[in-house]
Amino acid sequence: MFTHVMLGANDLEVSRKFYDATLGALGHKPGVLSQDRYFYRSPTGVLALTKPLDGGVATGANGGTVGFIAKSTESVDEFYSQGIANGGSVCEDMPGYRDGVAGRVYITWLRDPAGNKVCAMYRVPK
């Protein structure tokens, strides 16, 4: 459905540290610097971090969330732990099971250092 997600960052190195740790917990390689942006490439899409091109302050989307696929409940927990240890903050409940239209999931949410809301979600097999 999309080719990439680009998030604004006020301090690229602080955001890189957060995403290297949280995405590393999900099995992804560290970001690669290219033209003053960090890129995290995977077979299913690309996450990019950039300072706003207009020179303004990066702010998190109100109501927006970027969700990352997790392979297990343990990787969701590690995403959460690494995020908190690397400049993220809690924005909703602790990691845990939730039931809804998407079925049963194990999920957690964080705010990254720039205030963007991100989550890691494991879909529980039926």
C-alpha atoms as a PDB file:
ATOM      1  CA  MET A   1       0.000   0.000   0.000  1.00  0.00           C
ATOM      2  CA  PHE A   2       2.895   2.387   0.543  1.00  0.00           C
ATOM      3  CA  THR A   3       6.531   2.573  -0.524  1.00  0.00           C
ATOM      4  CA  HIS A   4       7.904   4.329   2.528  1.00  0.00           C
ATOM      5  CA  VAL A   5       7.179   6.252   5.696  1.00  0.00           C
ATOM      6  CA  MET A   6       9.222   9.370   6.451  1.00  0.00           C
ATOM      7  CA  LEU A   7       9.255  10.790   9.965  1.00  0.00           C
ATOM      8  CA  GLY A   8      10.545  14.160  11.052  1.00  0.00           C
ATOM      9  CA  ALA A   9      13.328  14.312  13.614  1.00  0.00           C
ATOM     10  CA  ASN A  10      14.723  17.313  15.464  1.00  0.00           C
ATOM     11  CA  ASP A  11      17.975  15.525  16.307  1.00  0.00           C
ATOM     12  CA  LEU A  12      18.834  12.857  13.734  1.00  0.00           C
ATOM     13  CA  GLU A  13      21.397  11.121  15.933  1.00  0.00           C
ATOM     14  CA  VAL A  14      19.034  10.842  18.907  1.00  0.00           C
ATOM     15  CA  SER A  15      16.309   9.461  16.627  1.00  0.00           C
ATOM     16  CA  ARG A  16      18.771   7.107  14.896  1.00  0.00           C
ATOM     17  CA  LYS A  17      19.780   5.669  18.277  1.00  0.00           C
ATOM     18  CA  PHE A  18      16.111   5.078  19.171  1.00  0.00           C
ATOM     19  CA  TYR A  19      15.264   3.391  15.846  1.00  0.00           C
ATOM     20  CA  ASP A  20      18.494   1.371  15.647  1.00  0.00           C
ATOM     21  CA  ALA A  21      17.564  -0.084  19.058  1.00  0.00           C
ATOM     22  CA  THR A  22      13.813  -0.579  18.603  1.00  0.00           C
ATOM     23  CA  LEU A  23      13.964  -1.855  15.030  1.00  0.00           C
ATOM     24  CA  GLY A  24      17.009  -3.949  15.938  1.00  0.00           C
ATOM     25  CA  ALA A  25      14.794  -5.654  18.533  1.00  0.00           C
ATOM     26  CA  LEU A  26      12.509  -6.610  15.628  1.00  0.00           C
ATOM     27  CA  GLY A  27      15.390  -8.009  13.560  1.00  0.00           C
ATOM     28  CA  HIS A  28      16.171  -5.016  11.321  1.00  0.00           C
ATOM     29  CA  LYS A  29      19.599  -3.615  10.507  1.00  0.00           C
ATOM     30  CA  PRO A  30      20.750  -0.160  11.703  1.00  0.00           C
ATOM     31  CA  GLY A  31      19.824   2.887   9.655  1.00  0.00           C
ATOM     32  CA  VAL A  32      22.032   4.016   6.780  1.00  0.00           C
ATOM     33  CA  LEU A  33      22.852   7.720   6.387  1.00  0.00           C
ATOM     34  CA  SER A  34      22.232   9.168   2.922  1.00  0.00           C
ATOM     35  CA  GLN A  35      21.817  12.853   2.058  1.00  0.00           C
ATOM     36  CA  ASP A  36      21.255  13.939   5.677  1.00  0.00           C
ATOM     37  CA  ARG A  37      18.567  11.277   6.224  1.00  0.00           C
ATOM     38  CA  TYR A  38      18.611   7.841   7.830  1.00  0.00           C
ATOM     39  CA  PHE A  39      16.996   4.953   5.945  1.00  0.00           C
ATOM     40  CA  TYR A  40      15.842   1.606   7.333  1.00  0.00           C
ATOM     41  CA  ARG A  41      15.171  -0.732   4.398  1.00  0.00           C
ATOM     42  CA  SER A  42      13.328  -4.035   4.511  1.00  0.00           C
ATOM     43  CA  PRO A  43      11.669  -6.299   1.950  1.00  0.00           C
ATOM     44  CA  THR A  44       8.292  -4.826   2.935  1.00  0.00           C
ATOM     45  CA  GLY A  45       9.041  -1.096   3.003  1.00  0.00           C
ATOM     46  CA  VAL A  46      11.332   1.733   4.023  1.00  0.00           C
ATOM     47  CA  LEU A  47      11.373   3.978   7.078  1.00  0.00           C
ATOM     48  CA  ALA A  48      13.213   7.288   6.662  1.00  0.00           C
ATOM     49  CA  LEU A  49      14.159   9.887   9.281  1.00  0.00           C
ATOM     50  CA  THR A  50      14.760  13.495   8.264  1.00  0.00           C
ATOM     51  CA  LYS A  51      14.895  16.987   9.633  1.00  0.00           C
ATOM     52  CA  PRO A  52      11.971  18.972   8.191  1.00  0.00           C
ATOM     53  CA  LEU A  53      12.974  20.438   4.844  1.00  0.00           C
ATOM     54  CA  ASP A  54      11.279  23.749   5.674  1.00  0.00           C
ATOM     55  CA  GLY A  55      13.654  24.236   8.615  1.00  0.00           C
ATOM     56  CA  GLY A  56      10.800  24.099  11.120  1.00  0.00           C
ATOM     57  CA  VAL A  57      10.473  21.913  14.180  1.00  0.00           C
ATOM     58  CA  ALA A  58       9.520  18.258  13.717  1.00  0.00           C
ATOM     59  CA  THR A  59       6.334  17.316  15.558  1.00  0.00           C
ATOM     60  CA  GLY A  60       4.499  14.018  15.968  1.00  0.00           C
ATOM     61  CA  ALA A  61       1.282  13.460  14.080  1.00  0.00           C
ATOM     62  CA  ASN A  62      -1.747  13.917  16.305  1.00  0.00           C
ATOM     63  CA  GLY A  63      -3.719  10.697  15.838  1.00  0.00           C
ATOM     64  CA  GLY A  64      -1.099   9.077  13.605  1.00  0.00           C
ATOM     65  CA  THR A  65       0.779   5.860  14.368  1.00  0.00           C
ATOM     66  CA  VAL A  66       3.446   3.914  12.475  1.00  0.00           C
ATOM     67  CA  GLY A  67       3.166   0.196  13.227  1.00  0.00           C
ATOM     68  CA  PHE A  68       5.991  -2.328  12.878  1.00  0.00           C
ATOM     69  CA  ILE A  69       5.533  -6.089  12.450  1.00  0.00           C
ATOM     70  CA  ALA A  70       6.900  -8.183  15.301  1.00  0.00           C
ATOM     71  CA  LYS A  71       7.618 -11.919  15.043  1.00  0.00           C
ATOM     72  CA  SER A  72       6.852 -12.769  18.688  1.00  0.00           C
ATOM     73  CA  THR A  73       5.632 -11.385  21.994  1.00  0.00           C
ATOM     74  CA  GLU A  74       9.264 -11.352  23.137  1.00  0.00           C
ATOM     75  CA  SER A  75      10.270  -9.062  20.263  1.00  0.00           C
ATOM     76  CA  VAL A  76       7.426  -6.668  21.181  1.00  0.00           C
ATOM     77  CA  ASP A  77       8.711  -6.596  24.760  1.00  0.00           C
ATOM     78  CA  GLU A  78      12.274  -5.986  23.526  1.00  0.00           C
ATOM     79  CA  PHE A  79      11.056  -3.174  21.214  1.00  0.00           C
ATOM     80  CA  TYR A  80       9.438  -1.539  24.243  1.00  0.00           C
ATOM     81  CA  SER A  81      12.476  -2.000  26.505  1.00  0.00           C
ATOM     82  CA  GLN A  82      14.923  -0.743  23.891  1.00  0.00           C
ATOM     83  CA  GLY A  83      12.682   2.216  23.088  1.00  0.00           C
ATOM     84  CA  ILE A  84      12.486   3.349  26.714  1.00  0.00           C
ATOM     85  CA  ALA A  85      16.237   2.836  27.163  1.00  0.00           C
ATOM     86  CA  ASN A  86      16.993   4.899  24.035  1.00  0.00           C
ATOM     87  CA  GLY A  87      14.991   8.085  24.489  1.00  0.00           C
ATOM     88  CA  GLY A  88      11.415   6.935  23.873  1.00  0.00           C
ATOM     89  CA  SER A  89       8.492   7.496  26.202  1.00  0.00           C
ATOM     90  CA  VAL A  90       5.332   5.598  27.107  1.00  0.00           C
ATOM     91  CA  CYS A  91       2.182   6.898  25.445  1.00  0.00           C
ATOM     92  CA  GLU A  92      -0.348   4.124  26.152  1.00  0.00           C
ATOM     93  CA  ASP A  93      -0.555   0.911  28.156  1.00  0.00           C
ATOM     94  CA  MET A  94       2.310  -1.479  28.752  1.00  0.00           C
ATOM     95  CA  PRO A  95       2.904  -4.255  26.180  1.00  0.00           C
ATOM     96  CA  GLY A  96       0.101  -6.779  26.238  1.00  0.00           C
ATOM     97  CA  TYR A  97      -2.676  -8.664  24.497  1.00  0.00           C
ATOM     98  CA  ARG A  98      -5.560  -6.776  22.903  1.00  0.00           C
ATOM     99  CA  ASP A  99      -8.669  -8.117  21.156  1.00  0.00           C
ATOM    100  CA  GLY A 100     -10.383  -6.184  18.388  1.00  0.00           C
ATOM    101  CA  VAL A 101     -11.330  -6.085  14.724  1.00  0.00           C
ATOM    102  CA  ALA A 102      -7.798  -7.191  13.810  1.00  0.00           C
ATOM    103  CA  GLY A 103      -8.194 -10.291  16.004  1.00  0.00           C
ATOM    104  CA  ARG A 104      -5.944 -11.019  18.972  1.00  0.00           C
ATOM    105  CA  VAL A 105      -2.673  -9.087  18.971  1.00  0.00           C
ATOM    106  CA  TYR A 106       0.210  -8.464  21.349  1.00  0.00           C
ATOM    107  CA  ILE A 107       1.128  -4.796  21.010  1.00  0.00           C
ATOM    108  CA  THR A 108       2.934  -1.844  22.532  1.00  0.00           C
ATOM    109  CA  TRP A 109       3.113   1.874  21.741  1.00  0.00           C
ATOM    110  CA  LEU A 110       5.849   4.455  22.312  1.00  0.00           C
ATOM    111  CA  ARG A 111       6.638   8.041  21.411  1.00  0.00           C
ATOM    112  CA  ASP A 112      10.000   8.416  19.691  1.00  0.00           C
ATOM    113  CA  PRO A 113      12.363  11.272  20.681  1.00  0.00           C
ATOM    114  CA  ALA A 114      10.596  13.643  18.235  1.00  0.00           C
ATOM    115  CA  GLY A 115       7.122  12.744  19.531  1.00  0.00           C
ATOM    116  CA  ASN A 116       6.066  10.391  16.710  1.00  0.00           C
ATOM    117  CA  LYS A 117       3.813   7.559  17.891  1.00  0.00           C
ATOM    118  CA  VAL A 118       5.101   4.114  16.928  1.00  0.00           C
ATOM    119  CA  CYS A 119       4.072   0.592  17.832  1.00  0.00           C
ATOM    120  CA  ALA A 120       5.221  -2.996  17.497  1.00  0.00           C
ATOM    121  CA  MET A 121       2.523  -5.618  16.970  1.00  0.00           C
ATOM    122  CA  TYR A 122       2.519  -9.403  16.891  1.00  0.00           C
ATOM    123  CA  ARG A 123      -0.583 -11.020  15.404  1.00  0.00           C
ATOM    124  CA  VAL A 124      -1.452 -14.081  17.467  1.00  0.00           C
ATOM    125  CA  PRO A 125      -2.038 -17.118  15.206  1.00  0.00           C
ATOM    126  CA  LYS A 126      -5.617 -18.403  15.196  1.00  0.00           C
END
